[in-house]
């Protein structure tokens, strides 16, 4: 592997690891389930995607590259959707956002639906 590709793989691994670390710290430190889900779905997806791209570049084999790209696409398609569905389910069973949340869009939506 050439030096440029090795440097690129190293940079992708470092950046992906930092995003994964940020996601894990966010899951541990943020206040409510919605903030934690946001950290996990956004930073975790980006970190995992970058790590898979580093794997694809490092391997150089077509089958590994194809599976790595398929994994990135799978993460990008499923993580935001599942996070949204989990947040909606959590709100419906009674978990309310913490006091730091300024706008509760679900409460506004629920109020407008009950007025109809």
C-alpha atoms as a PDB file:
ATOM      1  CA  UNK A   1       0.000   0.000   0.000  1.00  0.00           C
ATOM      2  CA  UNK A   2       1.355   3.403  -0.887  1.00  0.00           C
ATOM      3  CA  UNK A   3       2.275   5.983   1.699  1.00  0.00           C
ATOM      4  CA  UNK A   4      -0.618   8.272   0.751  1.00  0.00           C
ATOM      5  CA  UNK A   5      -3.182   5.510   1.259  1.00  0.00           C
ATOM      6  CA  UNK A   6      -1.582   4.560   4.577  1.00  0.00           C
ATOM      7  CA  UNK A   7      -1.827   8.165   5.777  1.00  0.00           C
ATOM      8  CA  UNK A   8      -5.440   8.382   4.551  1.00  0.00           C
ATOM      9  CA  UNK A   9      -6.359   5.166   6.385  1.00  0.00           C
ATOM     10  CA  UNK A  10      -4.692   6.463   9.548  1.00  0.00           C
ATOM     11  CA  UNK A  11      -6.549   9.775   9.365  1.00  0.00           C
ATOM     12  CA  UNK A  12      -9.889   8.016   8.787  1.00  0.00           C
ATOM     13  CA  UNK A  13      -9.230   5.677  11.727  1.00  0.00           C
ATOM     14  CA  UNK A  14      -8.371   8.553  14.057  1.00  0.00           C
ATOM     15  CA  UNK A  15     -11.349  10.688  13.038  1.00  0.00           C
ATOM     16  CA  UNK A  16     -13.733   7.720  13.154  1.00  0.00           C
ATOM     17  CA  UNK A  17     -12.436   6.738  16.580  1.00  0.00           C
ATOM     18  CA  UNK A  18     -12.908  10.285  17.857  1.00  0.00           C
ATOM     19  CA  UNK A  19     -16.514  10.309  16.656  1.00  0.00           C
ATOM     20  CA  UNK A  20     -17.137   6.925  18.274  1.00  0.00           C
ATOM     21  CA  UNK A  21     -15.565   8.219  21.497  1.00  0.00           C
ATOM     22  CA  UNK A  22     -17.751  11.319  21.338  1.00  0.00           C
ATOM     23  CA  UNK A  23     -20.828   9.122  20.920  1.00  0.00           C
ATOM     24  CA  UNK A  24     -19.912   6.971  23.905  1.00  0.00           C
ATOM     25  CA  UNK A  25     -19.199  10.006  26.113  1.00  0.00           C
ATOM     26  CA  UNK A  26     -22.510  11.525  24.979  1.00  0.00           C
ATOM     27  CA  UNK A  27     -24.380   8.366  25.920  1.00  0.00           C
ATOM     28  CA  UNK A  28     -22.829   8.450  29.381  1.00  0.00           C
ATOM     29  CA  UNK A  29     -23.010  12.171  30.112  1.00  0.00           C
ATOM     30  CA  UNK A  30     -26.110  13.617  28.447  1.00  0.00           C
ATOM     31  CA  UNK A  31     -29.228  14.203  30.519  1.00  0.00           C
ATOM     32  CA  UNK A  32     -32.152  12.428  28.910  1.00  0.00           C
ATOM     33  CA  UNK A  33     -32.961   9.620  26.521  1.00  0.00           C
ATOM     34  CA  UNK A  34     -33.464  11.953  23.553  1.00  0.00           C
ATOM     35  CA  UNK A  35     -30.078  13.629  23.881  1.00  0.00           C
ATOM     36  CA  UNK A  36     -28.412  10.252  24.334  1.00  0.00           C
ATOM     37  CA  UNK A  37     -30.133   8.857  21.256  1.00  0.00           C
ATOM     38  CA  UNK A  38     -29.010  11.877  19.244  1.00  0.00           C
ATOM     39  CA  UNK A  39     -25.391  11.331  20.265  1.00  0.00           C
ATOM     40  CA  UNK A  40     -25.558   7.631  19.496  1.00  0.00           C
ATOM     41  CA  UNK A  41     -27.264   7.957  16.135  1.00  0.00           C
ATOM     42  CA  UNK A  42     -25.287  10.880  14.721  1.00  0.00           C
ATOM     43  CA  UNK A  43     -21.769  10.480  16.077  1.00  0.00           C
ATOM     44  CA  UNK A  44     -21.928   6.706  16.241  1.00  0.00           C
ATOM     45  CA  UNK A  45     -23.062   6.431  12.629  1.00  0.00           C
ATOM     46  CA  UNK A  46     -20.395   8.811  11.372  1.00  0.00           C
ATOM     47  CA  UNK A  47     -17.671   7.122  13.417  1.00  0.00           C
ATOM     48  CA  UNK A  48     -18.651   3.633  12.283  1.00  0.00           C
ATOM     49  CA  UNK A  49     -18.897   4.779   8.687  1.00  0.00           C
ATOM     50  CA  UNK A  50     -15.427   6.305   8.734  1.00  0.00           C
ATOM     51  CA  UNK A  51     -13.957   3.195  10.324  1.00  0.00           C
ATOM     52  CA  UNK A  52     -15.554   1.004   7.648  1.00  0.00           C
ATOM     53  CA  UNK A  53     -14.228   3.281   4.904  1.00  0.00           C
ATOM     54  CA  UNK A  54     -10.735   2.983   6.401  1.00  0.00           C
ATOM     55  CA  UNK A  55     -11.138  -0.790   6.314  1.00  0.00           C
ATOM     56  CA  UNK A  56     -12.236  -0.660   2.668  1.00  0.00           C
ATOM     57  CA  UNK A  57      -9.236   1.442   1.658  1.00  0.00           C
ATOM     58  CA  UNK A  58      -6.789  -0.651   3.662  1.00  0.00           C
ATOM     59  CA  UNK A  59      -7.960  -4.015   2.328  1.00  0.00           C
ATOM     60  CA  UNK A  60      -7.938  -3.170  -1.356  1.00  0.00           C
ATOM     61  CA  UNK A  61      -9.980  -6.317  -2.111  1.00  0.00           C
ATOM     62  CA  UNK A  62     -13.188  -5.869  -4.043  1.00  0.00           C
ATOM     63  CA  UNK A  63     -15.308  -8.130  -1.830  1.00  0.00           C
ATOM     64  CA  UNK A  64     -14.206  -6.360   1.371  1.00  0.00           C
ATOM     65  CA  UNK A  65     -14.702  -2.924  -0.208  1.00  0.00           C
ATOM     66  CA  UNK A  66     -18.192  -3.890  -1.349  1.00  0.00           C
ATOM     67  CA  UNK A  67     -19.194  -5.170   2.089  1.00  0.00           C
ATOM     68  CA  UNK A  68     -17.717  -2.115   3.814  1.00  0.00           C
ATOM     69  CA  UNK A  69     -19.613   0.272   1.561  1.00  0.00           C
ATOM     70  CA  UNK A  70     -22.771  -1.776   2.065  1.00  0.00           C
ATOM     71  CA  UNK A  71     -22.219  -1.458   5.824  1.00  0.00           C
ATOM     72  CA  UNK A  72     -21.865   2.325   5.553  1.00  0.00           C
ATOM     73  CA  UNK A  73     -25.070   2.547   3.510  1.00  0.00           C
ATOM     74  CA  UNK A  74     -26.836   0.284   6.008  1.00  0.00           C
ATOM     75  CA  UNK A  75     -25.744   2.520   8.919  1.00  0.00           C
ATOM     76  CA  UNK A  76     -26.840   5.670   7.094  1.00  0.00           C
ATOM     77  CA  UNK A  77     -30.258   4.221   6.284  1.00  0.00           C
ATOM     78  CA  UNK A  78     -31.098   2.509   9.559  1.00  0.00           C
ATOM     79  CA  UNK A  79     -29.594   4.529  12.422  1.00  0.00           C
ATOM     80  CA  UNK A  80     -31.580   7.771  11.937  1.00  0.00           C
ATOM     81  CA  UNK A  81     -34.831   5.916  11.298  1.00  0.00           C
ATOM     82  CA  UNK A  82     -34.472   3.620  14.310  1.00  0.00           C
ATOM     83  CA  UNK A  83     -33.462   6.540  16.520  1.00  0.00           C
ATOM     84  CA  UNK A  84     -36.539   8.491  15.446  1.00  0.00           C
ATOM     85  CA  UNK A  85     -38.834   5.531  16.089  1.00  0.00           C
ATOM     86  CA  UNK A  86     -37.301   4.885  19.518  1.00  0.00           C
ATOM     87  CA  UNK A  87     -37.651   8.559  20.458  1.00  0.00           C
ATOM     88  CA  UNK A  88     -41.293   8.596  19.376  1.00  0.00           C
ATOM     89  CA  UNK A  89     -42.000   5.431  21.355  1.00  0.00           C
ATOM     90  CA  UNK A  90     -40.237   6.824  24.430  1.00  0.00           C
ATOM     91  CA  UNK A  91     -42.311  10.003  24.254  1.00  0.00           C
ATOM     92  CA  UNK A  92     -45.558   8.100  23.860  1.00  0.00           C
ATOM     93  CA  UNK A  93     -44.942   5.964  26.956  1.00  0.00           C
ATOM     94  CA  UNK A  94     -44.283   9.036  29.062  1.00  0.00           C
ATOM     95  CA  UNK A  95     -40.599  10.003  28.970  1.00  0.00           C
ATOM     96  CA  UNK A  96     -40.563  13.785  28.713  1.00  0.00           C
ATOM     97  CA  UNK A  97     -37.560  15.850  27.617  1.00  0.00           C
ATOM     98  CA  UNK A  98     -35.393  17.386  30.329  1.00  0.00           C
ATOM     99  CA  UNK A  99     -35.676  21.036  31.331  1.00  0.00           C
ATOM    100  CA  UNK A 100     -32.791  22.011  29.017  1.00  0.00           C
ATOM    101  CA  UNK A 101     -34.973  21.237  26.002  1.00  0.00           C
ATOM    102  CA  UNK A 102     -36.490  24.549  24.966  1.00  0.00           C
ATOM    103  CA  UNK A 103     -39.016  23.379  22.365  1.00  0.00           C
ATOM    104  CA  UNK A 104     -41.127  20.272  22.811  1.00  0.00           C
ATOM    105  CA  UNK A 105     -42.369  19.708  19.276  1.00  0.00           C
ATOM    106  CA  UNK A 106     -44.230  16.531  20.219  1.00  0.00           C
ATOM    107  CA  UNK A 107     -46.264  18.372  22.870  1.00  0.00           C
ATOM    108  CA  UNK A 108     -47.167  21.044  20.319  1.00  0.00           C
ATOM    109  CA  UNK A 109     -48.180  18.354  17.830  1.00  0.00           C
ATOM    110  CA  UNK A 110     -50.245  16.522  20.450  1.00  0.00           C
ATOM    111  CA  UNK A 111     -52.000  19.746  21.484  1.00  0.00           C
ATOM    112  CA  UNK A 112     -52.889  20.599  17.900  1.00  0.00           C
ATOM    113  CA  UNK A 113     -54.235  17.070  17.280  1.00  0.00           C
ATOM    114  CA  UNK A 114     -56.427  17.145  20.395  1.00  0.00           C
ATOM    115  CA  UNK A 115     -57.848  20.539  19.396  1.00  0.00           C
ATOM    116  CA  UNK A 116     -59.068  19.101  16.067  1.00  0.00           C
END
